[in-house]
Amino acid sequence: IDELPQFYNVLFGNMSVVGPRPHMLKHTDEYANRVDKYMLRHFVKPGI
């Protein structure tokens, strides 16, 4: 239920109902350098 306010993000266009879960900025920087093809998930909007 804590994720429900993200439907405002969906309405505003930042997110989609379904998609890769958005990560914290710190984790994006960390995984981009550590996990191969990590950035490919950002070709679409993140999802709830």
ModelCIF file with pLDDT and N, C-alpha, C, O atoms, coordinates in Angstrom:
data_MODEL
#
_entry.id   MODEL 
#
_entity.id                         1 
_entity.type                       polymer 
_entity.pdbx_number_of_molecules   1 
#
_entity_poly.entity_id                      1 
_entity_poly.type                           'polypeptide(L)' 
_entity_poly.nstd_linkage                   no 
_entity_poly.nstd_monomer                   no 
_entity_poly.pdbx_seq_one_letter_code       IDELPQFYNVLFGNMSVVGPRPHMLKHTDEYANRVDKYMLRHFVKPGI 
_entity_poly.pdbx_seq_one_letter_code_can   IDELPQFYNVLFGNMSVVGPRPHMLKHTDEYANRVDKYMLRHFVKPGI 
_entity_poly.pdbx_strand_id                 A 
#
loop_
_entity_poly_seq.entity_id 
_entity_poly_seq.num 
_entity_poly_seq.mon_id 
_entity_poly_seq.hetero 
1 1  ILE n 
1 2  ASP n 
1 3  GLU n 
1 4  LEU n 
1 5  PRO n 
1 6  GLN n 
1 7  PHE n 
1 8  TYR n 
1 9  ASN n 
1 10 VAL n 
1 11 LEU n 
1 12 PHE n 
1 13 GLY n 
1 14 ASN n 
1 15 MET n 
1 16 SER n 
1 17 VAL n 
1 18 VAL n 
1 19 GLY n 
1 20 PRO n 
1 21 ARG n 
1 22 PRO n 
1 23 HIS n 
1 24 MET n 
1 25 LEU n 
1 26 LYS n 
1 27 HIS n 
1 28 THR n 
1 29 ASP n 
1 30 GLU n 
1 31 TYR n 
1 32 ALA n 
1 33 ASN n 
1 34 ARG n 
1 35 VAL n 
1 36 ASP n 
1 37 LYS n 
1 38 TYR n 
1 39 MET n 
1 40 LEU n 
1 41 ARG n 
1 42 HIS n 
1 43 PHE n 
1 44 VAL n 
1 45 LYS n 
1 46 PRO n 
1 47 GLY n 
1 48 ILE n 
#
_struct_asym.id          A 
_struct_asym.entity_id   1 
#
loop_
_ma_qa_metric.id 
_ma_qa_metric.mode 
_ma_qa_metric.name 
_ma_qa_metric.software_group_id 
_ma_qa_metric.type 
1 global pLDDT . pLDDT 
2 local  pLDDT . pLDDT 
#
_ma_qa_metric_global.metric_id      1 
_ma_qa_metric_global.metric_value   92.62 
_ma_qa_metric_global.model_id       1 
_ma_qa_metric_global.ordinal_id     1 
#
loop_
_ma_qa_metric_local.label_asym_id 
_ma_qa_metric_local.label_comp_id 
_ma_qa_metric_local.label_seq_id 
_ma_qa_metric_local.metric_id 
_ma_qa_metric_local.metric_value 
_ma_qa_metric_local.model_id 
_ma_qa_metric_local.ordinal_id 
A ILE 1  2 89.00 1 1  
A ASP 2  2 90.00 1 2  
A GLU 3  2 92.00 1 3  
A LEU 4  2 94.00 1 4  
A PRO 5  2 95.00 1 5  
A GLN 6  2 96.00 1 6  
A PHE 7  2 96.00 1 7  
A TYR 8  2 96.00 1 8  
A ASN 9  2 96.00 1 9  
A VAL 10 2 97.00 1 10 
A LEU 11 2 96.00 1 11 
A PHE 12 2 95.00 1 12 
A GLY 13 2 94.00 1 13 
A ASN 14 2 94.00 1 14 
A MET 15 2 96.00 1 15 
A SER 16 2 97.00 1 16 
A VAL 17 2 97.00 1 17 
A VAL 18 2 97.00 1 18 
A GLY 19 2 95.00 1 19 
A PRO 20 2 95.00 1 20 
A ARG 21 2 94.00 1 21 
A PRO 22 2 94.00 1 22 
A HIS 23 2 92.00 1 23 
A MET 24 2 90.00 1 24 
A LEU 25 2 91.00 1 25 
A LYS 26 2 89.00 1 26 
A HIS 27 2 89.00 1 27 
A THR 28 2 91.00 1 28 
A ASP 29 2 90.00 1 29 
A GLU 30 2 89.00 1 30 
A TYR 31 2 91.00 1 31 
A ALA 32 2 89.00 1 32 
A ASN 33 2 87.00 1 33 
A ARG 34 2 88.00 1 34 
A VAL 35 2 89.00 1 35 
A ASP 36 2 85.00 1 36 
A LYS 37 2 87.00 1 37 
A TYR 38 2 91.00 1 38 
A MET 39 2 91.00 1 39 
A LEU 40 2 90.00 1 40 
A ARG 41 2 92.00 1 41 
A HIS 42 2 92.00 1 42 
A PHE 43 2 92.00 1 43 
A VAL 44 2 94.00 1 44 
A LYS 45 2 95.00 1 45 
A PRO 46 2 96.00 1 46 
A GLY 47 2 96.00 1 47 
A ILE 48 2 95.00 1 48 
#
loop_
_atom_site.group_PDB 
_atom_site.id 
_atom_site.type_symbol 
_atom_site.label_atom_id 
_atom_site.label_alt_id 
_atom_site.label_comp_id 
_atom_site.label_asym_id 
_atom_site.label_entity_id 
_atom_site.label_seq_id 
_atom_site.pdbx_PDB_ins_code 
_atom_site.Cartn_x 
_atom_site.Cartn_y 
_atom_site.Cartn_z 
_atom_site.occupancy 
_atom_site.B_iso_or_equiv 
_atom_site.pdbx_formal_charge 
_atom_site.auth_seq_id 
_atom_site.auth_comp_id 
_atom_site.auth_asym_id 
_atom_site.auth_atom_id 
_atom_site.pdbx_PDB_model_num 
ATOM 1   N N  . ILE A 1 1  ? 0.837  -1.210 0.000   1.00 89.00 ? 1  ILE A N  1 
ATOM 2   C CA . ILE A 1 1  ? 0.000  0.000  0.000   1.00 89.00 ? 1  ILE A CA 1 
ATOM 3   C C  . ILE A 1 1  ? 0.867  1.253  0.000   1.00 89.00 ? 1  ILE A C  1 
ATOM 4   O O  . ILE A 1 1  ? 0.443  2.306  -0.477  1.00 89.00 ? 1  ILE A O  1 
ATOM 5   N N  . ASP A 1 2  ? 2.090  1.138  0.539   1.00 90.00 ? 2  ASP A N  1 
ATOM 6   C CA . ASP A 1 2  ? 2.959  2.312  0.578   1.00 90.00 ? 2  ASP A CA 1 
ATOM 7   C C  . ASP A 1 2  ? 3.307  2.821  -0.821  1.00 90.00 ? 2  ASP A C  1 
ATOM 8   O O  . ASP A 1 2  ? 3.710  3.974  -0.973  1.00 90.00 ? 2  ASP A O  1 
ATOM 9   N N  . GLU A 1 3  ? 3.156  1.974  -1.847  1.00 92.00 ? 3  GLU A N  1 
ATOM 10  C CA . GLU A 1 3  ? 3.482  2.364  -3.219  1.00 92.00 ? 3  GLU A CA 1 
ATOM 11  C C  . GLU A 1 3  ? 2.338  3.105  -3.913  1.00 92.00 ? 3  GLU A C  1 
ATOM 12  O O  . GLU A 1 3  ? 2.541  3.655  -4.995  1.00 92.00 ? 3  GLU A O  1 
ATOM 13  N N  . LEU A 1 4  ? 1.141  3.134  -3.319  1.00 94.00 ? 4  LEU A N  1 
ATOM 14  C CA . LEU A 1 4  ? -0.022 3.706  -3.996  1.00 94.00 ? 4  LEU A CA 1 
ATOM 15  C C  . LEU A 1 4  ? 0.155  5.160  -4.460  1.00 94.00 ? 4  LEU A C  1 
ATOM 16  O O  . LEU A 1 4  ? -0.332 5.498  -5.538  1.00 94.00 ? 4  LEU A O  1 
ATOM 17  N N  . PRO A 1 5  ? 0.832  6.040  -3.694  1.00 95.00 ? 5  PRO A N  1 
ATOM 18  C CA . PRO A 1 5  ? 1.015  7.418  -4.191  1.00 95.00 ? 5  PRO A CA 1 
ATOM 19  C C  . PRO A 1 5  ? 1.784  7.496  -5.512  1.00 95.00 ? 5  PRO A C  1 
ATOM 20  O O  . PRO A 1 5  ? 1.771  8.536  -6.170  1.00 95.00 ? 5  PRO A O  1 
ATOM 21  N N  . GLN A 1 6  ? 2.450  6.413  -5.905  1.00 96.00 ? 6  GLN A N  1 
ATOM 22  C CA . GLN A 1 6  ? 3.166  6.435  -7.177  1.00 96.00 ? 6  GLN A CA 1 
ATOM 23  C C  . GLN A 1 6  ? 2.222  6.478  -8.372  1.00 96.00 ? 6  GLN A C  1 
ATOM 24  O O  . GLN A 1 6  ? 2.656  6.708  -9.500  1.00 96.00 ? 6  GLN A O  1 
ATOM 25  N N  . PHE A 1 7  ? 0.921  6.256  -8.125  1.00 96.00 ? 7  PHE A N  1 
ATOM 26  C CA . PHE A 1 7  ? -0.035 6.445  -9.217  1.00 96.00 ? 7  PHE A CA 1 
ATOM 27  C C  . PHE A 1 7  ? -0.127 7.917  -9.613  1.00 96.00 ? 7  PHE A C  1 
ATOM 28  O O  . PHE A 1 7  ? -0.529 8.230  -10.733 1.00 96.00 ? 7  PHE A O  1 
ATOM 29  N N  . TYR A 1 8  ? 0.244  8.830  -8.699  1.00 96.00 ? 8  TYR A N  1 
ATOM 30  C CA . TYR A 1 8  ? 0.378  10.242 -9.090  1.00 96.00 ? 8  TYR A CA 1 
ATOM 31  C C  . TYR A 1 8  ? 1.568  10.400 -10.033 1.00 96.00 ? 8  TYR A C  1 
ATOM 32  O O  . TYR A 1 8  ? 1.499  11.164 -10.996 1.00 96.00 ? 8  TYR A O  1 
ATOM 33  N N  . ASN A 1 9  ? 2.662  9.680  -9.760  1.00 96.00 ? 9  ASN A N  1 
ATOM 34  C CA . ASN A 1 9  ? 3.801  9.684  -10.682 1.00 96.00 ? 9  ASN A CA 1 
ATOM 35  C C  . ASN A 1 9  ? 3.389  9.193  -12.069 1.00 96.00 ? 9  ASN A C  1 
ATOM 36  O O  . ASN A 1 9  ? 3.819  9.732  -13.089 1.00 96.00 ? 9  ASN A O  1 
ATOM 37  N N  . VAL A 1 10 ? 2.543  8.153  -12.085 1.00 97.00 ? 10 VAL A N  1 
ATOM 38  C CA . VAL A 1 10 ? 2.059  7.609  -13.359 1.00 97.00 ? 10 VAL A CA 1 
ATOM 39  C C  . VAL A 1 10 ? 1.231  8.653  -14.096 1.00 97.00 ? 10 VAL A C  1 
ATOM 40  O O  . VAL A 1 10 ? 1.401  8.857  -15.298 1.00 97.00 ? 10 VAL A O  1 
ATOM 41  N N  . LEU A 1 11 ? 0.332  9.313  -13.366 1.00 96.00 ? 11 LEU A N  1 
ATOM 42  C CA . LEU A 1 11 ? -0.518 10.330 -13.976 1.00 96.00 ? 11 LEU A CA 1 
ATOM 43  C C  . LEU A 1 11 ? 0.306  11.495 -14.506 1.00 96.00 ? 11 LEU A C  1 
ATOM 44  O O  . LEU A 1 11 ? -0.006 12.047 -15.561 1.00 96.00 ? 11 LEU A O  1 
ATOM 45  N N  . PHE A 1 12 ? 1.358  11.875 -13.780 1.00 95.00 ? 12 PHE A N  1 
ATOM 46  C CA . PHE A 1 12 ? 2.206  12.995 -14.194 1.00 95.00 ? 12 PHE A CA 1 
ATOM 47  C C  . PHE A 1 12 ? 3.156  12.611 -15.330 1.00 95.00 ? 12 PHE A C  1 
ATOM 48  O O  . PHE A 1 12 ? 3.754  13.484 -15.958 1.00 95.00 ? 12 PHE A O  1 
ATOM 49  N N  . GLY A 1 13 ? 3.298  11.307 -15.598 1.00 94.00 ? 13 GLY A N  1 
ATOM 50  C CA . GLY A 1 13 ? 4.135  10.862 -16.709 1.00 94.00 ? 13 GLY A CA 1 
ATOM 51  C C  . GLY A 1 13 ? 5.546  10.454 -16.332 1.00 94.00 ? 13 GLY A C  1 
ATOM 52  O O  . GLY A 1 13 ? 6.343  10.132 -17.213 1.00 94.00 ? 13 GLY A O  1 
ATOM 53  N N  . ASN A 1 14 ? 5.886  10.460 -15.021 1.00 94.00 ? 14 ASN A N  1 
ATOM 54  C CA . ASN A 1 14 ? 7.228  10.045 -14.596 1.00 94.00 ? 14 ASN A CA 1 
ATOM 55  C C  . ASN A 1 14 ? 7.389  8.530  -14.592 1.00 94.00 ? 14 ASN A C  1 
ATOM 56  O O  . ASN A 1 14 ? 8.490  8.010  -14.772 1.00 94.00 ? 14 ASN A O  1 
ATOM 57  N N  . MET A 1 15 ? 6.276  7.829  -14.385 1.00 96.00 ? 15 MET A N  1 
ATOM 58  C CA . MET A 1 15 ? 6.307  6.375  -14.253 1.00 96.00 ? 15 MET A CA 1 
ATOM 59  C C  . MET A 1 15 ? 5.193  5.753  -15.081 1.00 96.00 ? 15 MET A C  1 
ATOM 60  O O  . MET A 1 15 ? 4.336  6.449  -15.625 1.00 96.00 ? 15 MET A O  1 
ATOM 61  N N  . SER A 1 16 ? 5.222  4.426  -15.163 1.00 97.00 ? 16 SER A N  1 
ATOM 62  C CA . SER A 1 16 ? 4.157  3.653  -15.776 1.00 97.00 ? 16 SER A CA 1 
ATOM 63  C C  . SER A 1 16 ? 3.617  2.688  -14.724 1.00 97.00 ? 16 SER A C  1 
ATOM 64  O O  . SER A 1 16 ? 4.267  2.463  -13.702 1.00 97.00 ? 16 SER A O  1 
ATOM 65  N N  . VAL A 1 17 ? 2.446  2.120  -14.960 1.00 97.00 ? 17 VAL A N  1 
ATOM 66  C CA . VAL A 1 17 ? 1.915  1.142  -14.018 1.00 97.00 ? 17 VAL A CA 1 
ATOM 67  C C  . VAL A 1 17 ? 2.846  -0.069 -13.963 1.00 97.00 ? 17 VAL A C  1 
ATOM 68  O O  . VAL A 1 17 ? 3.123  -0.600 -12.888 1.00 97.00 ? 17 VAL A O  1 
ATOM 69  N N  . VAL A 1 18 ? 3.324  -0.502 -15.129 1.00 97.00 ? 18 VAL A N  1 
ATOM 70  C CA . VAL A 1 18 ? 4.222  -1.658 -15.213 1.00 97.00 ? 18 VAL A CA 1 
ATOM 71  C C  . VAL A 1 18 ? 5.523  -1.231 -15.883 1.00 97.00 ? 18 VAL A C  1 
ATOM 72  O O  . VAL A 1 18 ? 5.521  -0.514 -16.884 1.00 97.00 ? 18 VAL A O  1 
ATOM 73  N N  . GLY A 1 19 ? 6.631  -1.688 -15.308 1.00 95.00 ? 19 GLY A N  1 
ATOM 74  C CA . GLY A 1 19 ? 7.946  -1.378 -15.864 1.00 95.00 ? 19 GLY A CA 1 
ATOM 75  C C  . GLY A 1 19 ? 9.022  -1.749 -14.857 1.00 95.00 ? 19 GLY A C  1 
ATOM 76  O O  . GLY A 1 19 ? 8.698  -2.170 -13.746 1.00 95.00 ? 19 GLY A O  1 
ATOM 77  N N  . PRO A 1 20 ? 10.272 -1.608 -15.209 1.00 95.00 ? 20 PRO A N  1 
ATOM 78  C CA . PRO A 1 20 ? 11.343 -1.866 -14.236 1.00 95.00 ? 20 PRO A CA 1 
ATOM 79  C C  . PRO A 1 20 ? 11.225 -0.920 -13.040 1.00 95.00 ? 20 PRO A C  1 
ATOM 80  O O  . PRO A 1 20 ? 10.978 0.272  -13.220 1.00 95.00 ? 20 PRO A O  1 
ATOM 81  N N  . ARG A 1 21 ? 11.397 -1.431 -11.841 1.00 94.00 ? 21 ARG A N  1 
ATOM 82  C CA . ARG A 1 21 ? 11.281 -0.588 -10.652 1.00 94.00 ? 21 ARG A CA 1 
ATOM 83  C C  . ARG A 1 21 ? 12.382 0.471  -10.644 1.00 94.00 ? 21 ARG A C  1 
ATOM 84  O O  . ARG A 1 21 ? 13.535 0.161  -10.943 1.00 94.00 ? 21 ARG A O  1 
ATOM 85  N N  . PRO A 1 22 ? 12.040 1.731  -10.303 1.00 94.00 ? 22 PRO A N  1 
ATOM 86  C CA . PRO A 1 22 ? 13.063 2.783  -10.266 1.00 94.00 ? 22 PRO A CA 1 
ATOM 87  C C  . PRO A 1 22 ? 13.981 2.618  -9.066  1.00 94.00 ? 22 PRO A C  1 
ATOM 88  O O  . PRO A 1 22 ? 13.521 2.301  -7.969  1.00 94.00 ? 22 PRO A O  1 
ATOM 89  N N  . HIS A 1 23 ? 15.251 2.826  -9.263  1.00 92.00 ? 23 HIS A N  1 
ATOM 90  C CA . HIS A 1 23 ? 16.221 2.690  -8.183  1.00 92.00 ? 23 HIS A CA 1 
ATOM 91  C C  . HIS A 1 23 ? 16.670 4.050  -7.671  1.00 92.00 ? 23 HIS A C  1 
ATOM 92  O O  . HIS A 1 23 ? 16.565 5.056  -8.373  1.00 92.00 ? 23 HIS A O  1 
ATOM 93  N N  . MET A 1 24 ? 17.171 4.070  -6.441  1.00 90.00 ? 24 MET A N  1 
ATOM 94  C CA . MET A 1 24 ? 17.749 5.293  -5.883  1.00 90.00 ? 24 MET A CA 1 
ATOM 95  C C  . MET A 1 24 ? 18.960 5.700  -6.716  1.00 90.00 ? 24 MET A C  1 
ATOM 96  O O  . MET A 1 24 ? 19.616 4.853  -7.323  1.00 90.00 ? 24 MET A O  1 
ATOM 97  N N  . LEU A 1 25 ? 19.250 6.986  -6.742  1.00 91.00 ? 25 LEU A N  1 
ATOM 98  C CA . LEU A 1 25 ? 20.356 7.496  -7.553  1.00 91.00 ? 25 LEU A CA 1 
ATOM 99  C C  . LEU A 1 25 ? 21.669 6.814  -7.181  1.00 91.00 ? 25 LEU A C  1 
ATOM 100 O O  . LEU A 1 25 ? 22.476 6.484  -8.050  1.00 91.00 ? 25 LEU A O  1 
ATOM 101 N N  . LYS A 1 26 ? 21.873 6.608  -5.892  1.00 89.00 ? 26 LYS A N  1 
ATOM 102 C CA . LYS A 1 26 ? 23.102 5.963  -5.415  1.00 89.00 ? 26 LYS A CA 1 
ATOM 103 C C  . LYS A 1 26 ? 23.231 4.559  -5.994  1.00 89.00 ? 26 LYS A C  1 
ATOM 104 O O  . LYS A 1 26 ? 24.313 4.152  -6.416  1.00 89.00 ? 26 LYS A O  1 
ATOM 105 N N  . HIS A 1 27 ? 22.126 3.822  -6.014  1.00 89.00 ? 27 HIS A N  1 
ATOM 106 C CA . HIS A 1 27 ? 22.160 2.457  -6.514  1.00 89.00 ? 27 HIS A CA 1 
ATOM 107 C C  . HIS A 1 27 ? 22.322 2.422  -8.028  1.00 89.00 ? 27 HIS A C  1 
ATOM 108 O O  . HIS A 1 27 ? 22.975 1.523  -8.558  1.00 89.00 ? 27 HIS A O  1 
ATOM 109 N N  . THR A 1 28 ? 21.732 3.396  -8.736  1.00 91.00 ? 28 THR A N  1 
ATOM 110 C CA . THR A 1 28 ? 21.909 3.461  -10.186 1.00 91.00 ? 28 THR A CA 1 
ATOM 111 C C  . THR A 1 28 ? 23.377 3.621  -10.546 1.00 91.00 ? 28 THR A C  1 
ATOM 112 O O  . THR A 1 28 ? 23.887 2.930  -11.428 1.00 91.00 ? 28 THR A O  1 
ATOM 113 N N  . ASP A 1 29 ? 24.059 4.542  -9.854  1.00 90.00 ? 29 ASP A N  1 
ATOM 114 C CA . ASP A 1 29 ? 25.492 4.750  -10.108 1.00 90.00 ? 29 ASP A CA 1 
ATOM 115 C C  . ASP A 1 29 ? 26.293 3.495  -9.781  1.00 90.00 ? 29 ASP A C  1 
ATOM 116 O O  . ASP A 1 29 ? 27.231 3.138  -10.494 1.00 90.00 ? 29 ASP A O  1 
ATOM 117 N N  . GLU A 1 30 ? 25.914 2.842  -8.708  1.00 89.00 ? 30 GLU A N  1 
ATOM 118 C CA . GLU A 1 30 ? 26.649 1.646  -8.273  1.00 89.00 ? 30 GLU A CA 1 
ATOM 119 C C  . GLU A 1 30 ? 26.458 0.489  -9.247  1.00 89.00 ? 30 GLU A C  1 
ATOM 120 O O  . GLU A 1 30 ? 27.431 -0.136 -9.670  1.00 89.00 ? 30 GLU A O  1 
ATOM 121 N N  . TYR A 1 31 ? 25.197 0.200  -9.607  1.00 91.00 ? 31 TYR A N  1 
ATOM 122 C CA . TYR A 1 31 ? 24.920 -0.954 -10.453 1.00 91.00 ? 31 TYR A CA 1 
ATOM 123 C C  . TYR A 1 31 ? 25.311 -0.721 -11.905 1.00 91.00 ? 31 TYR A C  1 
ATOM 124 O O  . TYR A 1 31 ? 25.638 -1.675 -12.611 1.00 91.00 ? 31 TYR A O  1 
ATOM 125 N N  . ALA A 1 32 ? 25.284 0.528  -12.369 1.00 89.00 ? 32 ALA A N  1 
ATOM 126 C CA . ALA A 1 32 ? 25.669 0.820  -13.748 1.00 89.00 ? 32 ALA A CA 1 
ATOM 127 C C  . ALA A 1 32 ? 27.113 0.411  -14.000 1.00 89.00 ? 32 ALA A C  1 
ATOM 128 O O  . ALA A 1 32 ? 27.456 -0.020 -15.101 1.00 89.00 ? 32 ALA A O  1 
ATOM 129 N N  . ASN A 1 33 ? 27.956 0.545  -12.987 1.00 87.00 ? 33 ASN A N  1 
ATOM 130 C CA . ASN A 1 33 ? 29.371 0.180  -13.121 1.00 87.00 ? 33 ASN A CA 1 
ATOM 131 C C  . ASN A 1 33 ? 29.641 -1.290 -12.785 1.00 87.00 ? 33 ASN A C  1 
ATOM 132 O O  . ASN A 1 33 ? 30.724 -1.810 -13.055 1.00 87.00 ? 33 ASN A O  1 
ATOM 133 N N  . ARG A 1 34 ? 28.648 -1.945 -12.195 1.00 88.00 ? 34 ARG A N  1 
ATOM 134 C CA . ARG A 1 34 ? 28.875 -3.296 -11.690 1.00 88.00 ? 34 ARG A CA 1 
ATOM 135 C C  . ARG A 1 34 ? 28.114 -4.374 -12.454 1.00 88.00 ? 34 ARG A C  1 
ATOM 136 O O  . ARG A 1 34 ? 28.593 -5.501 -12.581 1.00 88.00 ? 34 ARG A O  1 
ATOM 137 N N  . VAL A 1 35 ? 26.945 -4.038 -12.957 1.00 89.00 ? 35 VAL A N  1 
ATOM 138 C CA . VAL A 1 35 ? 26.072 -5.022 -13.605 1.00 89.00 ? 35 VAL A CA 1 
ATOM 139 C C  . VAL A 1 35 ? 25.998 -4.732 -15.101 1.00 89.00 ? 35 VAL A C  1 
ATOM 140 O O  . VAL A 1 35 ? 25.603 -3.640 -15.509 1.00 89.00 ? 35 VAL A O  1 
ATOM 141 N N  . ASP A 1 36 ? 26.375 -5.700 -15.905 1.00 85.00 ? 36 ASP A N  1 
ATOM 142 C CA . ASP A 1 36 ? 26.385 -5.530 -17.353 1.00 85.00 ? 36 ASP A CA 1 
ATOM 143 C C  . ASP A 1 36 ? 24.970 -5.298 -17.886 1.00 85.00 ? 36 ASP A C  1 
ATOM 144 O O  . ASP A 1 36 ? 24.021 -5.963 -17.471 1.00 85.00 ? 36 ASP A O  1 
ATOM 145 N N  . LYS A 1 37 ? 24.846 -4.347 -18.811 1.00 87.00 ? 37 LYS A N  1 
ATOM 146 C CA . LYS A 1 37 ? 23.589 -3.984 -19.479 1.00 87.00 ? 37 LYS A CA 1 
ATOM 147 C C  . LYS A 1 37 ? 22.556 -3.413 -18.507 1.00 87.00 ? 37 LYS A C  1 
ATOM 148 O O  . LYS A 1 37 ? 21.367 -3.376 -18.823 1.00 87.00 ? 37 LYS A O  1 
ATOM 149 N N  . TYR A 1 38 ? 22.990 -2.976 -17.346 1.00 91.00 ? 38 TYR A N  1 
ATOM 150 C CA . TYR A 1 38 ? 22.065 -2.412 -16.362 1.00 91.00 ? 38 TYR A CA 1 
ATOM 151 C C  . TYR A 1 38 ? 21.285 -1.230 -16.939 1.00 91.00 ? 38 TYR A C  1 
ATOM 152 O O  . TYR A 1 38 ? 20.084 -1.110 -16.699 1.00 91.00 ? 38 TYR A O  1 
ATOM 153 N N  . MET A 1 39 ? 21.957 -0.354 -17.700 1.00 91.00 ? 39 MET A N  1 
ATOM 154 C CA . MET A 1 39 ? 21.323 0.866  -18.191 1.00 91.00 ? 39 MET A CA 1 
ATOM 155 C C  . MET A 1 39 ? 20.243 0.608  -19.227 1.00 91.00 ? 39 MET A C  1 
ATOM 156 O O  . MET A 1 39 ? 19.443 1.498  -19.517 1.00 91.00 ? 39 MET A O  1 
ATOM 157 N N  . LEU A 1 40 ? 20.205 -0.591 -19.789 1.00 90.00 ? 40 LEU A N  1 
ATOM 158 C CA . LEU A 1 40 ? 19.201 -0.911 -20.795 1.00 90.00 ? 40 LEU A CA 1 
ATOM 159 C C  . LEU A 1 40 ? 17.789 -0.778 -20.241 1.00 90.00 ? 40 LEU A C  1 
ATOM 160 O O  . LEU A 1 40 ? 16.856 -0.513 -21.001 1.00 90.00 ? 40 LEU A O  1 
ATOM 161 N N  . ARG A 1 41 ? 17.612 -0.955 -18.940 1.00 92.00 ? 41 ARG A N  1 
ATOM 162 C CA . ARG A 1 41 ? 16.289 -0.864 -18.322 1.00 92.00 ? 41 ARG A CA 1 
ATOM 163 C C  . ARG A 1 41 ? 15.726 0.552  -18.388 1.00 92.00 ? 41 ARG A C  1 
ATOM 164 O O  . ARG A 1 41 ? 14.524 0.744  -18.202 1.00 92.00 ? 41 ARG A O  1 
ATOM 165 N N  . HIS A 1 42 ? 16.576 1.549  -18.650 1.00 92.00 ? 42 HIS A N  1 
ATOM 166 C CA . HIS A 1 42 ? 16.108 2.928  -18.706 1.00 92.00 ? 42 HIS A CA 1 
ATOM 167 C C  . HIS A 1 42 ? 15.638 3.341  -20.094 1.00 92.00 ? 42 HIS A C  1 
ATOM 168 O O  . HIS A 1 42 ? 15.386 4.522  -20.334 1.00 92.00 ? 42 HIS A O  1 
ATOM 169 N N  . PHE A 1 43 ? 15.516 2.378  -21.015 1.00 92.00 ? 43 PHE A N  1 
ATOM 170 C CA . PHE A 1 43 ? 14.937 2.658  -22.320 1.00 92.00 ? 43 PHE A CA 1 
ATOM 171 C C  . PHE A 1 43 ? 13.419 2.840  -22.217 1.00 92.00 ? 43 PHE A C  1 
ATOM 172 O O  . PHE A 1 43 ? 12.795 3.337  -23.155 1.00 92.00 ? 43 PHE A O  1 
ATOM 173 N N  . VAL A 1 44 ? 12.818 2.444  -21.089 1.00 94.00 ? 44 VAL A N  1 
ATOM 174 C CA . VAL A 1 44 ? 11.377 2.612  -20.880 1.00 94.00 ? 44 VAL A CA 1 
ATOM 175 C C  . VAL A 1 44 ? 11.141 3.272  -19.524 1.00 94.00 ? 44 VAL A C  1 
ATOM 176 O O  . VAL A 1 44 ? 12.058 3.371  -18.709 1.00 94.00 ? 44 VAL A O  1 
ATOM 177 N N  . LYS A 1 45 ? 9.929  3.717  -19.290 1.00 95.00 ? 45 LYS A N  1 
ATOM 178 C CA . LYS A 1 45 ? 9.602  4.326  -18.001 1.00 95.00 ? 45 LYS A CA 1 
ATOM 179 C C  . LYS A 1 45 ? 9.622  3.286  -16.896 1.00 95.00 ? 45 LYS A C  1 
ATOM 180 O O  . LYS A 1 45 ? 9.259  2.132  -17.123 1.00 95.00 ? 45 LYS A O  1 
ATOM 181 N N  . PRO A 1 46 ? 10.042 3.682  -15.699 1.00 96.00 ? 46 PRO A N  1 
ATOM 182 C CA . PRO A 1 46 ? 9.971  2.755  -14.555 1.00 96.00 ? 46 PRO A CA 1 
ATOM 183 C C  . PRO A 1 46 ? 8.521  2.505  -14.167 1.00 96.00 ? 46 PRO A C  1 
ATOM 184 O O  . PRO A 1 46 ? 7.637  3.298  -14.492 1.00 96.00 ? 46 PRO A O  1 
ATOM 185 N N  . GLY A 1 47 ? 8.283  1.399  -13.469 1.00 96.00 ? 47 GLY A N  1 
ATOM 186 C CA . GLY A 1 47 ? 6.915  1.036  -13.130 1.00 96.00 ? 47 GLY A CA 1 
ATOM 187 C C  . GLY A 1 47 ? 6.684  0.878  -11.638 1.00 96.00 ? 47 GLY A C  1 
ATOM 188 O O  . GLY A 1 47 ? 7.625  0.735  -10.857 1.00 96.00 ? 47 GLY A O  1 
ATOM 189 N N  . ILE A 1 48 ? 5.400  0.907  -11.253 1.00 95.00 ? 48 ILE A N  1 
ATOM 190 C CA . ILE A 1 48 ? 5.015  0.627  -9.863  1.00 95.00 ? 48 ILE A CA 1 
ATOM 191 C C  . ILE A 1 48 ? 5.264  -0.847 -9.563  1.00 95.00 ? 48 ILE A C  1 
ATOM 192 O O  . ILE A 1 48 ? 5.010  -1.302 -8.447  1.00 95.00 ? 48 ILE A O  1 
#
